[in-house]
PDB file of N, CA and C in Angstrom:
ATOM      1  N   UNK A   1     -45.879  -9.262 -61.802  1.00  0.00           N
ATOM      2  CA  UNK A   1     -46.739  -9.730 -62.873  1.00  0.00           C
ATOM      3  C   UNK A   1     -47.456 -11.013 -62.467  1.00  0.00           C
ATOM      4  N   UNK A   2     -46.698 -11.923 -61.852  1.00  0.00           N
ATOM      5  CA  UNK A   2     -47.290 -13.197 -61.431  1.00  0.00           C
ATOM      6  C   UNK A   2     -48.388 -12.980 -60.388  1.00  0.00           C
ATOM      7  N   UNK A   3     -48.164 -12.044 -59.457  1.00  0.00           N
ATOM      8  CA  UNK A   3     -49.156 -11.765 -58.416  1.00  0.00           C
ATOM      9  C   UNK A   3     -50.444 -11.228 -59.025  1.00  0.00           C
ATOM     10  N   UNK A   4     -50.324 -10.361 -60.048  1.00  0.00           N
ATOM     11  CA  UNK A   4     -51.514  -9.810 -60.699  1.00  0.00           C
ATOM     12  C   UNK A   4     -52.312 -10.907 -61.400  1.00  0.00           C
ATOM     13  N   UNK A   5     -51.632 -11.801 -62.085  1.00  0.00           N
ATOM     14  CA  UNK A   5     -52.322 -12.897 -62.787  1.00  0.00           C
ATOM     15  C   UNK A   5     -52.977 -13.855 -61.778  1.00  0.00           C
ATOM     16  N   UNK A   6     -52.278 -14.130 -60.690  1.00  0.00           N
ATOM     17  CA  UNK A   6     -52.841 -15.008 -59.659  1.00  0.00           C
ATOM     18  C   UNK A   6     -54.079 -14.375 -59.030  1.00  0.00           C
ATOM     19  N   UNK A   7     -54.019 -13.076 -58.780  1.00  0.00           N
ATOM     20  CA  UNK A   7     -55.163 -12.361 -58.205  1.00  0.00           C
ATOM     21  C   UNK A   7     -56.337 -12.372 -59.178  1.00  0.00           C
ATOM     22  N   UNK A   8     -56.079 -12.159 -60.455  1.00  0.00           N
ATOM     23  CA  UNK A   8     -57.130 -12.179 -61.474  1.00  0.00           C
ATOM     24  C   UNK A   8     -57.756 -13.574 -61.561  1.00  0.00           C
ATOM     25  N   UNK A   9     -56.928 -14.604 -61.569  1.00  0.00           N
ATOM     26  CA  UNK A   9     -57.427 -15.973 -61.603  1.00  0.00           C
ATOM     27  C   UNK A   9     -58.276 -16.274 -60.370  1.00  0.00           C
ATOM     28  N   UNK A  10     -57.840 -15.846 -59.199  1.00  0.00           N
ATOM     29  CA  UNK A  10     -58.600 -16.043 -57.970  1.00  0.00           C
ATOM     30  C   UNK A  10     -59.963 -15.363 -58.050  1.00  0.00           C
ATOM     31  N   UNK A  11     -59.994 -14.137 -58.581  1.00  0.00           N
ATOM     32  CA  UNK A  11     -61.262 -13.407 -58.692  1.00  0.00           C
ATOM     33  C   UNK A  11     -62.206 -14.099 -59.670  1.00  0.00           C
ATOM     34  N   UNK A  12     -61.692 -14.603 -60.787  1.00  0.00           N
ATOM     35  CA  UNK A  12     -62.531 -15.320 -61.749  1.00  0.00           C
ATOM     36  C   UNK A  12     -63.138 -16.578 -61.121  1.00  0.00           C
ATOM     37  N   UNK A  13     -62.323 -17.327 -60.398  1.00  0.00           N
ATOM     38  CA  UNK A  13     -62.814 -18.524 -59.722  1.00  0.00           C
ATOM     39  C   UNK A  13     -63.886 -18.149 -58.704  1.00  0.00           C
ATOM     40  N   UNK A  14     -63.659 -17.105 -57.958  1.00  0.00           N
ATOM     41  CA  UNK A  14     -64.612 -16.650 -56.948  1.00  0.00           C
ATOM     42  C   UNK A  14     -65.936 -16.232 -57.585  1.00  0.00           C
ATOM     43  N   UNK A  15     -65.890 -15.489 -58.682  1.00  0.00           N
ATOM     44  CA  UNK A  15     -67.102 -15.013 -59.346  1.00  0.00           C
ATOM     45  C   UNK A  15     -67.915 -16.191 -59.887  1.00  0.00           C
ATOM     46  N   UNK A  16     -67.261 -17.135 -60.565  1.00  0.00           N
ATOM     47  CA  UNK A  16     -67.996 -18.234 -61.174  1.00  0.00           C
ATOM     48  C   UNK A  16     -68.422 -19.294 -60.173  1.00  0.00           C
ATOM     49  N   UNK A  17     -67.822 -19.335 -59.010  1.00  0.00           N
ATOM     50  CA  UNK A  17     -68.218 -20.291 -57.975  1.00  0.00           C
ATOM     51  C   UNK A  17     -69.353 -19.752 -57.114  1.00  0.00           C
ATOM     52  N   UNK A  18     -69.647 -18.458 -57.226  1.00  0.00           N
ATOM     53  CA  UNK A  18     -70.684 -17.831 -56.426  1.00  0.00           C
ATOM     54  C   UNK A  18     -72.051 -18.061 -57.067  1.00  0.00           C
ATOM     55  N   UNK A  19     -73.029 -18.594 -56.307  1.00  0.00           N
ATOM     56  CA  UNK A  19     -74.361 -18.758 -56.881  1.00  0.00           C
ATOM     57  C   UNK A  19     -74.904 -17.417 -57.348  1.00  0.00           C
ATOM     58  N   UNK A  20     -75.611 -17.444 -58.458  1.00  0.00           N
ATOM     59  CA  UNK A  20     -76.141 -16.202 -59.004  1.00  0.00           C
ATOM     60  C   UNK A  20     -75.300 -15.714 -60.167  1.00  0.00           C
ATOM     61  N   UNK A  21     -74.001 -15.920 -60.097  1.00  0.00           N
ATOM     62  CA  UNK A  21     -73.154 -15.582 -61.236  1.00  0.00           C
ATOM     63  C   UNK A  21     -73.070 -16.756 -62.198  1.00  0.00           C
ATOM     64  N   UNK A  22     -73.199 -17.950 -61.683  1.00  0.00           N
ATOM     65  CA  UNK A  22     -73.178 -19.136 -62.534  1.00  0.00           C
ATOM     66  C   UNK A  22     -74.496 -19.227 -63.289  1.00  0.00           C
ATOM     67  N   UNK A  23     -74.459 -19.882 -64.427  1.00  0.00           N
ATOM     68  CA  UNK A  23     -75.687 -20.044 -65.205  1.00  0.00           C
ATOM     69  C   UNK A  23     -76.656 -20.937 -64.445  1.00  0.00           C
ATOM     70  N   UNK A  24     -77.939 -20.696 -64.658  1.00  0.00           N
ATOM     71  CA  UNK A  24     -78.976 -21.487 -64.006  1.00  0.00           C
ATOM     72  C   UNK A  24     -78.934 -22.907 -64.549  1.00  0.00           C
ATOM     73  N   UNK A  25     -78.718 -23.879 -63.676  1.00  0.00           N
ATOM     74  CA  UNK A  25     -78.586 -25.266 -64.115  1.00  0.00           C
ATOM     75  C   UNK A  25     -79.942 -25.910 -64.376  1.00  0.00           C
ATOM     76  N   UNK A  26     -81.022 -25.316 -63.906  1.00  0.00           N
ATOM     77  CA  UNK A  26     -82.338 -25.890 -64.117  1.00  0.00           C
ATOM     78  C   UNK A  26     -83.041 -25.184 -65.260  1.00  0.00           C
ATOM     79  N   UNK A  27     -83.048 -25.834 -66.396  1.00  0.00           N
ATOM     80  CA  UNK A  27     -83.702 -25.293 -67.580  1.00  0.00           C
ATOM     81  C   UNK A  27     -85.154 -25.754 -67.569  1.00  0.00           C
ATOM     82  N   UNK A  28     -86.073 -24.857 -67.936  1.00  0.00           N
ATOM     83  CA  UNK A  28     -87.479 -25.227 -67.950  1.00  0.00           C
ATOM     84  C   UNK A  28     -87.720 -26.287 -69.018  1.00  0.00           C
ATOM     85  N   UNK A  29     -88.485 -27.305 -68.646  1.00  0.00           N
ATOM     86  CA  UNK A  29     -88.824 -28.401 -69.543  1.00  0.00           C
ATOM     87  C   UNK A  29     -90.326 -28.456 -69.729  1.00  0.00           C
ATOM     88  N   UNK A  30     -90.760 -29.302 -70.661  1.00  0.00           N
ATOM     89  CA  UNK A  30     -92.173 -29.414 -71.001  1.00  0.00           C
ATOM     90  C   UNK A  30     -92.531 -30.884 -71.157  1.00  0.00           C
ATOM     91  N   UNK A  31     -93.654 -31.277 -70.565  1.00  0.00           N
ATOM     92  CA  UNK A  31     -94.203 -32.620 -70.738  1.00  0.00           C
ATOM     93  C   UNK A  31     -95.622 -32.427 -71.257  1.00  0.00           C
ATOM     94  N   UNK A  32     -95.930 -33.032 -72.411  1.00  0.00           N
ATOM     95  CA  UNK A  32     -97.225 -32.808 -73.045  1.00  0.00           C
ATOM     96  C   UNK A  32     -97.845 -34.123 -73.475  1.00  0.00           C
ATOM     97  N   UNK A  33     -99.158 -34.271 -73.224  1.00  0.00           N
ATOM     98  CA  UNK A  33     -99.888 -35.456 -73.656  1.00  0.00           C
ATOM     99  C   UNK A  33    -101.087 -35.709 -72.764  1.00  0.00           C
ATOM    100  N   UNK A  34    -101.736 -36.867 -72.962  1.00  0.00           N
ATOM    101  CA  UNK A  34    -102.896 -37.200 -72.143  1.00  0.00           C
ATOM    102  C   UNK A  34    -102.487 -37.740 -70.771  1.00  0.00           C
ATOM    103  N   UNK A  35    -103.312 -37.442 -69.761  1.00  0.00           N
ATOM    104  CA  UNK A  35    -103.090 -37.987 -68.421  1.00  0.00           C
ATOM    105  C   UNK A  35    -103.529 -39.448 -68.445  1.00  0.00           C
ATOM    106  N   UNK A  36    -102.618 -40.353 -68.114  1.00  0.00           N
ATOM    107  CA  UNK A  36    -102.915 -41.787 -68.072  1.00  0.00           C
ATOM    108  C   UNK A  36    -103.515 -42.153 -66.719  1.00  0.00           C
ATOM    109  N   UNK A  37    -102.922 -41.611 -65.663  1.00  0.00           N
ATOM    110  CA  UNK A  37    -103.440 -41.833 -64.301  1.00  0.00           C
ATOM    111  C   UNK A  37    -102.927 -40.711 -63.405  1.00  0.00           C
ATOM    112  N   UNK A  38    -103.635 -40.529 -62.311  1.00  0.00           N
ATOM    113  CA  UNK A  38    -103.236 -39.494 -61.365  1.00  0.00           C
ATOM    114  C   UNK A  38    -103.301 -40.054 -59.952  1.00  0.00           C
ATOM    115  N   UNK A  39    -102.483 -39.484 -59.089  1.00  0.00           N
ATOM    116  CA  UNK A  39    -102.467 -39.890 -57.691  1.00  0.00           C
ATOM    117  C   UNK A  39    -102.432 -38.642 -56.824  1.00  0.00           C
ATOM    118  N   UNK A  40    -103.563 -38.341 -56.211  1.00  0.00           N
ATOM    119  CA  UNK A  40    -103.609 -37.187 -55.309  1.00  0.00           C
ATOM    120  C   UNK A  40    -102.755 -37.452 -54.069  1.00  0.00           C
ATOM    121  N   UNK A  41    -102.710 -38.718 -53.613  1.00  0.00           N
ATOM    122  CA  UNK A  41    -101.911 -39.074 -52.432  1.00  0.00           C
ATOM    123  C   UNK A  41    -100.427 -38.810 -52.651  1.00  0.00           C
ATOM    124  N   UNK A  42     -99.932 -39.114 -53.864  1.00  0.00           N
ATOM    125  CA  UNK A  42     -98.514 -38.915 -54.170  1.00  0.00           C
ATOM    126  C   UNK A  42     -98.247 -37.589 -54.877  1.00  0.00           C
ATOM    127  N   UNK A  43     -99.303 -36.818 -55.145  1.00  0.00           N
ATOM    128  CA  UNK A  43     -99.192 -35.549 -55.880  1.00  0.00           C
ATOM    129  C   UNK A  43     -98.470 -35.745 -57.213  1.00  0.00           C
ATOM    130  N   UNK A  44     -98.973 -36.707 -58.006  1.00  0.00           N
ATOM    131  CA  UNK A  44     -98.369 -36.980 -59.308  1.00  0.00           C
ATOM    132  C   UNK A  44     -99.432 -37.172 -60.381  1.00  0.00           C
ATOM    133  N   UNK A  45     -99.032 -36.875 -61.599  1.00  0.00           N
ATOM    134  CA  UNK A  45     -99.790 -37.204 -62.800  1.00  0.00           C
ATOM    135  C   UNK A  45     -98.867 -38.055 -63.663  1.00  0.00           C
ATOM    136  N   UNK A  46     -99.400 -39.096 -64.285  1.00  0.00           N
ATOM    137  CA  UNK A  46     -98.625 -39.847 -65.263  1.00  0.00           C
ATOM    138  C   UNK A  46     -99.141 -39.449 -66.629  1.00  0.00           C
ATOM    139  N   UNK A  47     -98.248 -38.927 -67.453  1.00  0.00           N
ATOM    140  CA  UNK A  47     -98.610 -38.386 -68.759  1.00  0.00           C
ATOM    141  C   UNK A  47     -97.944 -39.223 -69.841  1.00  0.00           C
ATOM    142  N   UNK A  48     -98.718 -39.604 -70.874  1.00  0.00           N
ATOM    143  CA  UNK A  48     -98.140 -40.302 -72.024  1.00  0.00           C
ATOM    144  C   UNK A  48     -97.586 -39.235 -72.959  1.00  0.00           C
ATOM    145  N   UNK A  49     -96.267 -39.196 -73.083  1.00  0.00           N
ATOM    146  CA  UNK A  49     -95.595 -38.182 -73.897  1.00  0.00           C
ATOM    147  C   UNK A  49     -95.776 -38.546 -75.373  1.00  0.00           C
ATOM    148  N   UNK A  50     -96.365 -37.645 -76.129  1.00  0.00           N
ATOM    149  CA  UNK A  50     -96.696 -37.905 -77.535  1.00  0.00           C
ATOM    150  C   UNK A  50     -95.476 -38.238 -78.379  1.00  0.00           C
ATOM    151  N   UNK A  51     -94.442 -37.437 -78.248  1.00  0.00           N
ATOM    152  CA  UNK A  51     -93.286 -37.575 -79.144  1.00  0.00           C
ATOM    153  C   UNK A  51     -92.559 -38.912 -78.984  1.00  0.00           C
ATOM    154  N   UNK A  52     -92.559 -39.475 -77.781  1.00  0.00           N
ATOM    155  CA  UNK A  52     -91.825 -40.722 -77.536  1.00  0.00           C
ATOM    156  C   UNK A  52     -92.748 -41.897 -77.239  1.00  0.00           C
ATOM    157  N   UNK A  53     -94.044 -41.638 -77.096  1.00  0.00           N
ATOM    158  CA  UNK A  53     -95.030 -42.657 -76.740  1.00  0.00           C
ATOM    159  C   UNK A  53     -94.626 -43.402 -75.466  1.00  0.00           C
ATOM    160  N   UNK A  54     -93.999 -42.655 -74.542  1.00  0.00           N
ATOM    161  CA  UNK A  54     -93.612 -43.223 -73.248  1.00  0.00           C
ATOM    162  C   UNK A  54     -94.352 -42.460 -72.153  1.00  0.00           C
ATOM    163  N   UNK A  55     -94.323 -43.005 -70.956  1.00  0.00           N
ATOM    164  CA  UNK A  55     -94.993 -42.357 -69.831  1.00  0.00           C
ATOM    165  C   UNK A  55     -93.992 -41.581 -68.997  1.00  0.00           C
ATOM    166  N   UNK A  56     -94.426 -40.415 -68.517  1.00  0.00           N
ATOM    167  CA  UNK A  56     -93.573 -39.572 -67.674  1.00  0.00           C
ATOM    168  C   UNK A  56     -94.361 -39.183 -66.429  1.00  0.00           C
ATOM    169  N   UNK A  57     -93.755 -39.337 -65.274  1.00  0.00           N
ATOM    170  CA  UNK A  57     -94.385 -38.937 -64.020  1.00  0.00           C
ATOM    171  C   UNK A  57     -94.116 -37.464 -63.776  1.00  0.00           C
ATOM    172  N   UNK A  58     -95.195 -36.719 -63.528  1.00  0.00           N
ATOM    173  CA  UNK A  58     -95.120 -35.286 -63.260  1.00  0.00           C
ATOM    174  C   UNK A  58     -95.468 -35.083 -61.787  1.00  0.00           C
ATOM    175  N   UNK A  59     -94.552 -34.520 -61.026  1.00  0.00           N
ATOM    176  CA  UNK A  59     -94.785 -34.224 -59.614  1.00  0.00           C
ATOM    177  C   UNK A  59     -95.298 -32.799 -59.485  1.00  0.00           C
ATOM    178  N   UNK A  60     -96.222 -32.580 -58.558  1.00  0.00           N
ATOM    179  CA  UNK A  60     -96.716 -31.228 -58.304  1.00  0.00           C
ATOM    180  C   UNK A  60     -96.824 -31.008 -56.809  1.00  0.00           C
ATOM    181  N   UNK A  61     -96.950 -29.731 -56.417  1.00  0.00           N
ATOM    182  CA  UNK A  61     -97.104 -29.409 -55.000  1.00  0.00           C
ATOM    183  C   UNK A  61     -98.005 -28.184 -54.875  1.00  0.00           C
ATOM    184  N   UNK A  62     -98.057 -27.604 -53.698  1.00  0.00           N
ATOM    185  CA  UNK A  62     -98.964 -26.480 -53.452  1.00  0.00           C
ATOM    186  C   UNK A  62     -98.583 -25.229 -54.248  1.00  0.00           C
ATOM    187  N   UNK A  63     -97.354 -25.161 -54.745  1.00  0.00           N
ATOM    188  CA  UNK A  63     -96.945 -23.988 -55.525  1.00  0.00           C
ATOM    189  C   UNK A  63     -97.242 -24.137 -57.022  1.00  0.00           C
ATOM    190  N   UNK A  64     -97.675 -25.318 -57.455  1.00  0.00           N
ATOM    191  CA  UNK A  64     -97.983 -25.544 -58.864  1.00  0.00           C
ATOM    192  C   UNK A  64     -99.219 -24.758 -59.261  1.00  0.00           C
ATOM    193  N   UNK A  65     -99.130 -24.050 -60.388  1.00  0.00           N
ATOM    194  CA  UNK A  65    -100.254 -23.268 -60.907  1.00  0.00           C
ATOM    195  C   UNK A  65    -101.057 -24.163 -61.856  1.00  0.00           C
ATOM    196  N   UNK A  66    -102.385 -24.177 -61.696  1.00  0.00           N
ATOM    197  CA  UNK A  66    -103.284 -24.990 -62.512  1.00  0.00           C
ATOM    198  C   UNK A  66    -104.151 -24.076 -63.362  1.00  0.00           C
ATOM    199  N   UNK A  67    -104.135 -24.290 -64.675  1.00  0.00           N
ATOM    200  CA  UNK A  67    -104.910 -23.453 -65.593  1.00  0.00           C
ATOM    201  C   UNK A  67    -105.566 -24.331 -66.656  1.00  0.00           C
ATOM    202  N   UNK A  68    -106.546 -23.750 -67.361  1.00  0.00           N
ATOM    203  CA  UNK A  68    -107.133 -24.404 -68.525  1.00  0.00           C
ATOM    204  C   UNK A  68    -107.211 -23.381 -69.642  1.00  0.00           C
ATOM    205  N   UNK A  69    -107.189 -23.895 -70.886  1.00  0.00           N
ATOM    206  CA  UNK A  69    -107.194 -22.995 -72.026  1.00  0.00           C
ATOM    207  C   UNK A  69    -107.676 -23.753 -73.258  1.00  0.00           C
ATOM    208  N   UNK A  70    -108.551 -23.094 -74.034  1.00  0.00           N
ATOM    209  CA  UNK A  70    -108.969 -23.662 -75.309  1.00  0.00           C
ATOM    210  C   UNK A  70    -107.837 -23.538 -76.311  1.00  0.00           C
ATOM    211  N   UNK A  71    -107.724 -24.507 -77.202  1.00  0.00           N
ATOM    212  CA  UNK A  71    -106.707 -24.494 -78.239  1.00  0.00           C
ATOM    213  C   UNK A  71    -106.847 -23.221 -79.074  1.00  0.00           C
ATOM    214  N   UNK A  72    -105.761 -22.484 -79.210  1.00  0.00           N
ATOM    215  CA  UNK A  72    -105.753 -21.280 -80.019  1.00  0.00           C
ATOM    216  C   UNK A  72    -106.352 -20.050 -79.357  1.00  0.00           C
ATOM    217  N   UNK A  73    -106.794 -20.175 -78.115  1.00  0.00           N
ATOM    218  CA  UNK A  73    -107.410 -19.045 -77.413  1.00  0.00           C
ATOM    219  C   UNK A  73    -106.371 -18.373 -76.520  1.00  0.00           C
ATOM    220  N   UNK A  74    -106.460 -17.069 -76.366  1.00  0.00           N
ATOM    221  CA  UNK A  74    -105.529 -16.336 -75.507  1.00  0.00           C
ATOM    222  C   UNK A  74    -105.980 -16.319 -74.049  1.00  0.00           C
ATOM    223  N   UNK A  75    -107.281 -16.558 -73.809  1.00  0.00           N
ATOM    224  CA  UNK A  75    -107.815 -16.504 -72.453  1.00  0.00           C
ATOM    225  C   UNK A  75    -107.400 -17.760 -71.667  1.00  0.00           C
ATOM    226  N   UNK A  76    -106.824 -17.523 -70.493  1.00  0.00           N
ATOM    227  CA  UNK A  76    -106.387 -18.604 -69.610  1.00  0.00           C
ATOM    228  C   UNK A  76    -107.231 -18.551 -68.347  1.00  0.00           C
ATOM    229  N   UNK A  77    -107.782 -19.699 -67.944  1.00  0.00           N
ATOM    230  CA  UNK A  77    -108.635 -19.784 -66.759  1.00  0.00           C
ATOM    231  C   UNK A  77    -107.878 -20.474 -65.628  1.00  0.00           C
ATOM    232  N   UNK A  78    -107.922 -19.926 -64.429  1.00  0.00           N
ATOM    233  CA  UNK A  78    -107.356 -20.605 -63.269  1.00  0.00           C
ATOM    234  C   UNK A  78    -108.319 -21.701 -62.850  1.00  0.00           C
ATOM    235  N   UNK A  79    -107.775 -22.889 -62.559  1.00  0.00           N
ATOM    236  CA  UNK A  79    -108.604 -24.022 -62.139  1.00  0.00           C
ATOM    237  C   UNK A  79    -107.986 -24.658 -60.904  1.00  0.00           C
ATOM    238  N   UNK A  80    -108.684 -25.632 -60.368  1.00  0.00           N
ATOM    239  CA  UNK A  80    -108.212 -26.419 -59.231  1.00  0.00           C
ATOM    240  C   UNK A  80    -107.646 -27.733 -59.768  1.00  0.00           C
ATOM    241  N   UNK A  81    -106.704 -28.321 -59.063  1.00  0.00           N
ATOM    242  CA  UNK A  81    -106.096 -29.581 -59.511  1.00  0.00           C
ATOM    243  C   UNK A  81    -107.124 -30.691 -59.687  1.00  0.00           C
ATOM    244  N   UNK A  82    -108.221 -30.624 -58.929  1.00  0.00           N
ATOM    245  CA  UNK A  82    -109.256 -31.670 -59.025  1.00  0.00           C
ATOM    246  C   UNK A  82    -109.967 -31.651 -60.375  1.00  0.00           C
ATOM    247  N   UNK A  83    -109.803 -30.581 -61.153  1.00  0.00           N
ATOM    248  CA  UNK A  83    -110.456 -30.478 -62.460  1.00  0.00           C
ATOM    249  C   UNK A  83    -109.682 -31.191 -63.570  1.00  0.00           C
ATOM    250  N   UNK A  84    -108.493 -31.694 -63.275  1.00  0.00           N
ATOM    251  CA  UNK A  84    -107.718 -32.457 -64.250  1.00  0.00           C
ATOM    252  C   UNK A  84    -107.973 -33.942 -63.988  1.00  0.00           C
ATOM    253  N   UNK A  85    -108.514 -34.611 -64.999  1.00  0.00           N
ATOM    254  CA  UNK A  85    -108.918 -36.026 -64.880  1.00  0.00           C
ATOM    255  C   UNK A  85    -108.095 -36.887 -65.838  1.00  0.00           C
ATOM    256  N   UNK A  86    -108.147 -38.202 -65.605  1.00  0.00           N
ATOM    257  CA  UNK A  86    -107.509 -39.145 -66.522  1.00  0.00           C
ATOM    258  C   UNK A  86    -108.113 -38.961 -67.913  1.00  0.00           C
ATOM    259  N   UNK A  87    -107.259 -38.945 -68.931  1.00  0.00           N
ATOM    260  CA  UNK A  87    -107.695 -38.748 -70.306  1.00  0.00           C
ATOM    261  C   UNK A  87    -107.586 -37.316 -70.779  1.00  0.00           C
ATOM    262  N   UNK A  88    -107.501 -36.354 -69.863  1.00  0.00           N
ATOM    263  CA  UNK A  88    -107.369 -34.944 -70.242  1.00  0.00           C
ATOM    264  C   UNK A  88    -106.001 -34.698 -70.888  1.00  0.00           C
ATOM    265  N   UNK A  89    -105.988 -33.819 -71.888  1.00  0.00           N
ATOM    266  CA  UNK A  89    -104.737 -33.393 -72.510  1.00  0.00           C
ATOM    267  C   UNK A  89    -104.138 -32.290 -71.635  1.00  0.00           C
ATOM    268  N   UNK A  90    -102.853 -32.397 -71.327  1.00  0.00           N
ATOM    269  CA  UNK A  90    -102.190 -31.398 -70.500  1.00  0.00           C
ATOM    270  C   UNK A  90    -100.851 -31.000 -71.104  1.00  0.00           C
ATOM    271  N   UNK A  91    -100.447 -29.785 -70.772  1.00  0.00           N
ATOM    272  CA  UNK A  91     -99.084 -29.324 -71.030  1.00  0.00           C
ATOM    273  C   UNK A  91     -98.535 -28.926 -69.666  1.00  0.00           C
ATOM    274  N   UNK A  92     -97.463 -29.591 -69.259  1.00  0.00           N
ATOM    275  CA  UNK A  92     -96.853 -29.334 -67.957  1.00  0.00           C
ATOM    276  C   UNK A  92     -95.502 -28.650 -68.178  1.00  0.00           C
ATOM    277  N   UNK A  93     -95.312 -27.523 -67.522  1.00  0.00           N
ATOM    278  CA  UNK A  93     -94.036 -26.809 -67.571  1.00  0.00           C
ATOM    279  C   UNK A  93     -93.376 -26.926 -66.210  1.00  0.00           C
ATOM    280  N   UNK A  94     -92.081 -27.146 -66.189  1.00  0.00           N
ATOM    281  CA  UNK A  94     -91.384 -27.291 -64.917  1.00  0.00           C
ATOM    282  C   UNK A  94     -89.917 -27.590 -65.126  1.00  0.00           C
ATOM    283  N   UNK A  95     -89.308 -28.185 -64.126  1.00  0.00           N
ATOM    284  CA  UNK A  95     -87.881 -28.492 -64.177  1.00  0.00           C
ATOM    285  C   UNK A  95     -87.639 -29.919 -63.699  1.00  0.00           C
ATOM    286  N   UNK A  96     -86.502 -30.452 -64.110  1.00  0.00           N
ATOM    287  CA  UNK A  96     -86.059 -31.765 -63.650  1.00  0.00           C
ATOM    288  C   UNK A  96     -85.093 -31.556 -62.488  1.00  0.00           C
ATOM    289  N   UNK A  97     -85.289 -32.325 -61.426  1.00  0.00           N
ATOM    290  CA  UNK A  97     -84.360 -32.195 -60.302  1.00  0.00           C
ATOM    291  C   UNK A  97     -83.130 -33.066 -60.536  1.00  0.00           C
ATOM    292  N   UNK A  98     -82.243 -33.102 -59.560  1.00  0.00           N
ATOM    293  CA  UNK A  98     -80.995 -33.854 -59.704  1.00  0.00           C
ATOM    294  C   UNK A  98     -81.217 -35.356 -59.852  1.00  0.00           C
ATOM    295  N   UNK A  99     -82.387 -35.857 -59.439  1.00  0.00           N
ATOM    296  CA  UNK A  99     -82.711 -37.276 -59.598  1.00  0.00           C
ATOM    297  C   UNK A  99     -83.377 -37.552 -60.943  1.00  0.00           C
ATOM    298  N   UNK A 100     -83.642 -36.488 -61.716  1.00  0.00           N
ATOM    299  CA  UNK A 100     -84.311 -36.659 -63.002  1.00  0.00           C
ATOM    300  C   UNK A 100     -85.822 -36.628 -62.916  1.00  0.00           C
ATOM    301  N   UNK A 101     -86.360 -36.316 -61.720  1.00  0.00           N
ATOM    302  CA  UNK A 101     -87.815 -36.235 -61.558  1.00  0.00           C
ATOM    303  C   UNK A 101     -88.309 -34.875 -62.044  1.00  0.00           C
ATOM    304  N   UNK A 102     -89.432 -34.882 -62.764  1.00  0.00           N
ATOM    305  CA  UNK A 102     -90.006 -33.663 -63.312  1.00  0.00           C
ATOM    306  C   UNK A 102     -90.961 -33.057 -62.295  1.00  0.00           C
ATOM    307  N   UNK A 103     -90.738 -31.793 -61.940  1.00  0.00           N
ATOM    308  CA  UNK A 103     -91.590 -31.065 -61.008  1.00  0.00           C
ATOM    309  C   UNK A 103     -92.270 -29.925 -61.756  1.00  0.00           C
ATOM    310  N   UNK A 104     -93.600 -29.948 -61.801  1.00  0.00           N
ATOM    311  CA  UNK A 104     -94.368 -28.971 -62.564  1.00  0.00           C
ATOM    312  C   UNK A 104     -94.521 -27.662 -61.809  1.00  0.00           C
ATOM    313  N   UNK A 105     -94.261 -26.564 -62.505  1.00  0.00           N
ATOM    314  CA  UNK A 105     -94.579 -25.241 -61.968  1.00  0.00           C
ATOM    315  C   UNK A 105     -95.959 -24.822 -62.465  1.00  0.00           C
ATOM    316  N   UNK A 106     -96.337 -25.303 -63.670  1.00  0.00           N
ATOM    317  CA  UNK A 106     -97.651 -25.018 -64.257  1.00  0.00           C
ATOM    318  C   UNK A 106     -98.179 -26.268 -64.946  1.00  0.00           C
ATOM    319  N   UNK A 107     -99.460 -26.562 -64.713  1.00  0.00           N
ATOM    320  CA  UNK A 107    -100.157 -27.622 -65.447  1.00  0.00           C
ATOM    321  C   UNK A 107    -101.312 -26.945 -66.166  1.00  0.00           C
ATOM    322  N   UNK A 108    -101.316 -27.066 -67.496  1.00  0.00           N
ATOM    323  CA  UNK A 108    -102.361 -26.458 -68.312  1.00  0.00           C
ATOM    324  C   UNK A 108    -103.229 -27.552 -68.928  1.00  0.00           C
ATOM    325  N   UNK A 109    -104.489 -27.580 -68.544  1.00  0.00           N
ATOM    326  CA  UNK A 109    -105.459 -28.505 -69.129  1.00  0.00           C
ATOM    327  C   UNK A 109    -105.899 -27.916 -70.451  1.00  0.00           C
ATOM    328  N   UNK A 110    -105.761 -28.682 -71.520  1.00  0.00           N
ATOM    329  CA  UNK A 110    -106.123 -28.195 -72.847  1.00  0.00           C
ATOM    330  C   UNK A 110    -107.587 -28.530 -73.108  1.00  0.00           C
ATOM    331  N   UNK A 111    -108.358 -27.518 -73.462  1.00  0.00           N
ATOM    332  CA  UNK A 111    -109.774 -27.685 -73.730  1.00  0.00           C
ATOM    333  C   UNK A 111    -109.990 -27.700 -75.236  1.00  0.00           C
ATOM    334  N   UNK A 112    -110.966 -28.498 -75.697  1.00  0.00           N
ATOM    335  CA  UNK A 112    -111.276 -28.507 -77.129  1.00  0.00           C
ATOM    336  C   UNK A 112    -112.634 -27.866 -77.329  1.00  0.00           C
ATOM    337  N   UNK A 113    -112.765 -27.170 -78.431  1.00  0.00           N
ATOM    338  CA  UNK A 113    -114.037 -26.516 -78.757  1.00  0.00           C
ATOM    339  C   UNK A 113    -115.048 -27.597 -79.126  1.00  0.00           C
ATOM    340  N   UNK A 114    -116.269 -27.460 -78.624  1.00  0.00           N
ATOM    341  CA  UNK A 114    -117.296 -28.444 -78.963  1.00  0.00           C
ATOM    342  C   UNK A 114    -117.779 -28.188 -80.387  1.00  0.00           C
ATOM    343  N   UNK A 115    -118.080 -29.277 -81.129  1.00  0.00           N
ATOM    344  CA  UNK A 115    -118.553 -29.098 -82.508  1.00  0.00           C
ATOM    345  C   UNK A 115    -119.882 -28.381 -82.544  1.00  0.00           C
ATOM    346  N   UNK A 116    -120.071 -27.506 -83.499  1.00  0.00           N
ATOM    347  CA  UNK A 116    -121.304 -26.720 -83.610  1.00  0.00           C
ATOM    348  C   UNK A 116    -122.307 -27.439 -84.465  1.00  0.00           C
TER     349      UNK A 116
END
């Protein structure tokens, strides 16, 4: 009986210690607000987070997807990173690394409809 319980315990430890069986530790996060400043050299955007009125540095790389979209519109346009300027409203989706740095997988430039 003891051998069976020990074997079962060993298998449980093995399953949960194996990557892929454990839950994903990187939960997708969101940073939203106006771009305060950008640095192409450092591949970062500094965004003023609306909810906390604090600044958050958003890191990006060659795998980051850049899009634009009008508020309330379903159509999404692919853009280049150079089209995001200081003052633009953005929604950045990504993950926080072990150092707490936010790395964007998608940066969405929010477009506003011009008054008619």
